[in-house]
Protein backbone atom coordinates (compact mmCIF):
# COMPACT_ATOMS: atom_id res chain seq x y z
CA MET A 1 -7.31 4.41 19.78
CA LEU A 2 -5.96 2.47 16.81
CA ILE A 3 -8.17 1.60 13.84
CA ALA A 4 -7.43 -0.51 10.76
CA LEU A 5 -9.17 0.52 7.53
CA ASN A 6 -9.19 -1.24 4.18
CA LYS A 7 -8.93 1.89 2.04
CA PRO A 8 -10.65 1.36 -1.30
CA TYR A 9 -9.25 2.46 -4.64
CA GLY A 10 -10.13 6.09 -5.41
CA VAL A 11 -10.46 7.29 -1.81
CA LEU A 12 -8.24 10.17 -0.67
CA CYS A 13 -6.19 9.70 2.52
CA GLN A 14 -7.64 12.82 4.10
CA PHE A 15 -10.93 13.76 5.75
CA THR A 16 -11.92 16.71 3.54
CA ASP A 17 -11.72 17.57 -0.13
CA ASP A 18 -12.89 20.79 -1.74
CA ARG A 19 -13.49 18.97 -5.05
CA GLY A 20 -16.00 16.46 -3.65
CA ARG A 21 -13.89 13.33 -4.09
CA PRO A 22 -14.35 10.36 -1.71
CA THR A 23 -12.38 10.77 1.52
CA LEU A 24 -11.78 8.96 4.81
CA ALA A 25 -14.76 10.88 6.25
CA ASP A 26 -17.00 8.71 4.05
CA LEU A 27 -15.68 5.54 5.75
CA VAL A 28 -14.52 6.29 9.30
CA VAL A 29 -17.17 6.98 11.96
CA GLN A 30 -14.74 7.50 14.85
CA LYS A 31 -13.98 11.14 15.59
CA ASP A 32 -10.64 12.82 16.27
CA VAL A 33 -8.50 10.20 14.55
CA TYR A 34 -6.08 10.78 11.71
CA ALA A 35 -4.15 8.60 9.28
CA ALA A 36 -0.80 7.28 10.49
CA GLY A 37 0.81 7.30 7.06
CA ARG A 38 -0.70 7.55 3.61
CA LEU A 39 -1.82 5.55 0.63
CA ASP A 40 -2.23 7.40 -2.63
CA GLN A 41 -5.64 7.64 -4.27
CA ASP A 42 -4.78 4.80 -6.69
CA SER A 43 -3.67 2.39 -3.95
CA GLU A 44 -5.76 0.14 -1.75
CA GLY A 45 -5.47 -1.72 1.50
CA LEU A 46 -4.37 -1.28 5.07
CA LEU A 47 -4.39 2.20 6.52
CA LEU A 48 -3.99 2.76 10.26
CA LEU A 49 -5.75 5.65 11.98
CA THR A 50 -5.12 6.84 15.50
CA ASP A 51 -5.73 9.61 17.99
CA ASP A 52 -2.29 8.99 19.58
CA GLY A 53 0.44 11.23 18.14
CA ARG A 54 3.28 9.20 19.67
CA LEU A 55 1.93 5.98 18.17
CA ALA A 56 1.50 7.66 14.78
CA HIS A 57 5.13 8.80 14.98
CA ARG A 58 6.35 5.26 15.78
CA LEU A 59 4.36 3.85 12.86
CA THR A 60 5.43 6.42 10.28
CA ASP A 61 8.84 7.87 11.15
CA PRO A 62 11.47 6.37 8.80
CA ARG A 63 13.95 6.07 11.68
CA HIS A 64 11.78 3.30 13.18
CA LYS A 65 11.98 1.31 9.89
CA GLN A 66 8.49 -0.13 10.38
CA ALA A 67 8.00 -2.94 7.83
CA LYS A 68 5.19 -2.39 5.32
CA THR A 69 4.15 -5.21 2.98
CA TYR A 70 2.44 -4.66 -0.33
CA LEU A 71 0.98 -6.89 -3.01
CA ALA A 72 1.56 -5.45 -6.45
CA GLN A 73 0.11 -6.57 -9.75
CA LEU A 74 2.69 -5.80 -12.41
CA ASP A 75 2.50 -5.21 -16.13
CA GLY A 76 4.38 -8.18 -17.60
CA SER A 77 5.94 -11.36 -16.20
CA ILE A 78 8.59 -10.23 -13.75
CA ASP A 79 11.89 -12.11 -13.90
CA GLU A 80 14.38 -13.15 -11.23
CA ALA A 81 16.82 -10.35 -12.16
CA ALA A 82 14.17 -7.71 -11.51
CA LEU A 83 13.19 -9.34 -8.19
CA GLN A 84 16.84 -9.36 -7.10
CA ALA A 85 17.22 -5.70 -8.07
CA LEU A 86 14.17 -4.81 -5.94
CA ALA A 87 15.60 -6.82 -3.04
CA ARG A 88 19.05 -5.16 -3.24
CA GLY A 89 17.57 -1.69 -3.43
CA LEU A 90 17.50 0.77 -6.30
CA VAL A 91 18.60 4.31 -6.94
CA LEU A 92 15.53 6.47 -7.54
CA SER A 93 15.36 10.18 -8.33
CA ASP A 94 15.33 10.95 -4.57
CA GLY A 95 18.25 8.65 -3.76
CA PRO A 96 18.90 4.98 -3.02
CA THR A 97 16.23 2.78 -1.45
CA LEU A 98 16.91 0.41 1.39
CA PRO A 99 17.03 -3.29 0.59
CA ALA A 100 13.57 -4.86 0.43
CA GLU A 101 12.01 -8.31 0.53
CA ALA A 102 10.65 -9.13 -2.92
CA LYS A 103 9.12 -12.37 -4.11
CA LEU A 104 6.83 -13.62 -6.83
CA VAL A 105 3.41 -14.71 -5.51
CA ASP A 106 0.15 -15.98 -6.92
CA GLU A 107 -2.84 -13.65 -7.18
CA PRO A 108 -4.52 -13.99 -3.77
CA ALA A 109 -7.71 -16.07 -3.74
CA TRP A 110 -9.24 -13.63 -1.20
CA LEU A 111 -8.73 -10.56 -3.39
CA TRP A 112 -11.79 -8.43 -4.10
CA PRO A 113 -12.47 -7.06 -7.58
CA ARG A 114 -11.28 -3.51 -8.09
CA LYS A 115 -13.70 -0.84 -9.25
CA PRO A 116 -12.86 0.20 -11.90
CA PRO A 117 -11.07 -2.98 -12.98
CA VAL A 118 -7.38 -2.99 -13.87
CA ARG A 119 -6.90 -2.69 -17.62
CA PHE A 120 -6.61 -6.01 -19.38
CA ARG A 121 -4.39 -6.62 -22.39
CA LYS A 122 -4.71 -10.04 -23.94
CA ALA A 123 -1.17 -10.12 -25.33
CA ILE A 124 0.60 -8.92 -22.15
CA PRO A 125 0.47 -11.08 -19.01
CA THR A 126 0.59 -9.71 -15.48
CA SER A 127 2.41 -11.00 -12.43
CA TRP A 128 2.05 -10.47 -8.69
CA ILE A 129 4.78 -9.76 -6.17
CA SER A 130 4.96 -9.28 -2.44
CA LEU A 131 7.24 -6.37 -1.54
CA THR A 132 8.20 -5.45 2.02
CA LEU A 133 9.80 -2.05 2.59
CA ARG A 134 11.21 -0.40 5.71
CA GLU A 135 10.83 3.15 4.46
CA GLY A 136 7.93 5.04 2.96
CA ARG A 137 8.64 7.46 0.18
CA ASN A 138 6.04 9.00 -2.08
CA ARG A 139 4.80 6.36 -4.59
CA GLN A 140 7.90 4.28 -3.80
CA VAL A 141 6.59 0.84 -4.80
CA ARG A 142 5.30 2.18 -8.11
CA ARG A 143 8.60 3.94 -8.83
CA MET A 144 10.64 0.86 -7.88
CA THR A 145 8.69 -1.58 -10.07
CA ALA A 146 8.77 0.87 -12.99
CA ALA A 147 12.54 1.25 -12.56
CA VAL A 148 13.01 -2.51 -13.09
CA GLY A 149 10.72 -2.49 -16.14
CA PHE A 150 7.47 -3.80 -14.66
CA PRO A 151 5.05 -0.95 -13.90
CA THR A 152 2.51 -1.45 -11.12
CA LEU A 153 -1.09 -1.89 -12.26
CA ARG A 154 -2.62 -2.50 -8.82
CA LEU A 155 -1.17 -1.89 -5.37
CA ILE A 156 -2.55 -3.22 -2.08
CA ARG A 157 -0.90 -2.71 1.32
CA VAL A 158 -1.53 -5.84 3.38
CA GLN A 159 0.59 -5.27 6.50
CA ILE A 160 2.17 -2.54 8.63
CA GLY A 161 4.42 -3.93 11.36
CA GLU A 162 2.33 -6.50 13.22
CA HIS A 163 -0.99 -5.17 11.88
CA ARG A 164 -2.58 -7.07 8.99
CA LEU A 165 -5.37 -6.34 6.53
CA ALA A 166 -6.72 -9.90 6.86
CA GLY A 167 -10.50 -10.15 6.87
CA LEU A 168 -11.35 -6.51 6.15
CA ALA A 169 -13.46 -5.83 3.06
CA PRO A 170 -12.89 -2.56 1.16
CA GLY A 171 -14.25 0.34 3.22
CA GLU A 172 -14.47 -1.67 6.46
CA THR A 173 -12.76 -0.70 9.70
CA ARG A 174 -11.68 -2.70 12.74
CA VAL A 175 -10.79 -1.19 16.12
CA LEU A 176 -7.42 -2.64 17.14
CA ALA A 177 -7.03 -0.81 20.45
CA ASP A 178 -9.14 1.66 22.46
């Protein structure tokens, strides 16, 4: 079984929490599935869940270089030099990143409001980028955008390989394969 979930902001990527925070168990009715990969509590968007260990391995193992695409709202108006640096790859504290696809995009018309909303500062604009990675380190997008001087305010994963978020509202699931 393969399930797509639009993970809302603030939900943990696990099924239990001893501190009572929202988890996947609050959203996923199917039993005996687990997340193929992770999104941190502050990130939103596409999460795949499966009961197939081999499929989970193919989706998450860095050796398979599965493309993952994110939309990121950044603090400030990103410039071409920063986009090129993201595309070339950066050296982070855990080593160099692989080259990525990075481009400036408009805020998507289909985007749902985040609860709580992203902080708004009248004097500082924001910009949106699409960033496609072929690796998946802890908080990698956030660390990369901060390294080029444009911290991430909001992060939404919209695609993993051929699987897209399209049409799923926050908290909704869609069975992709039985």
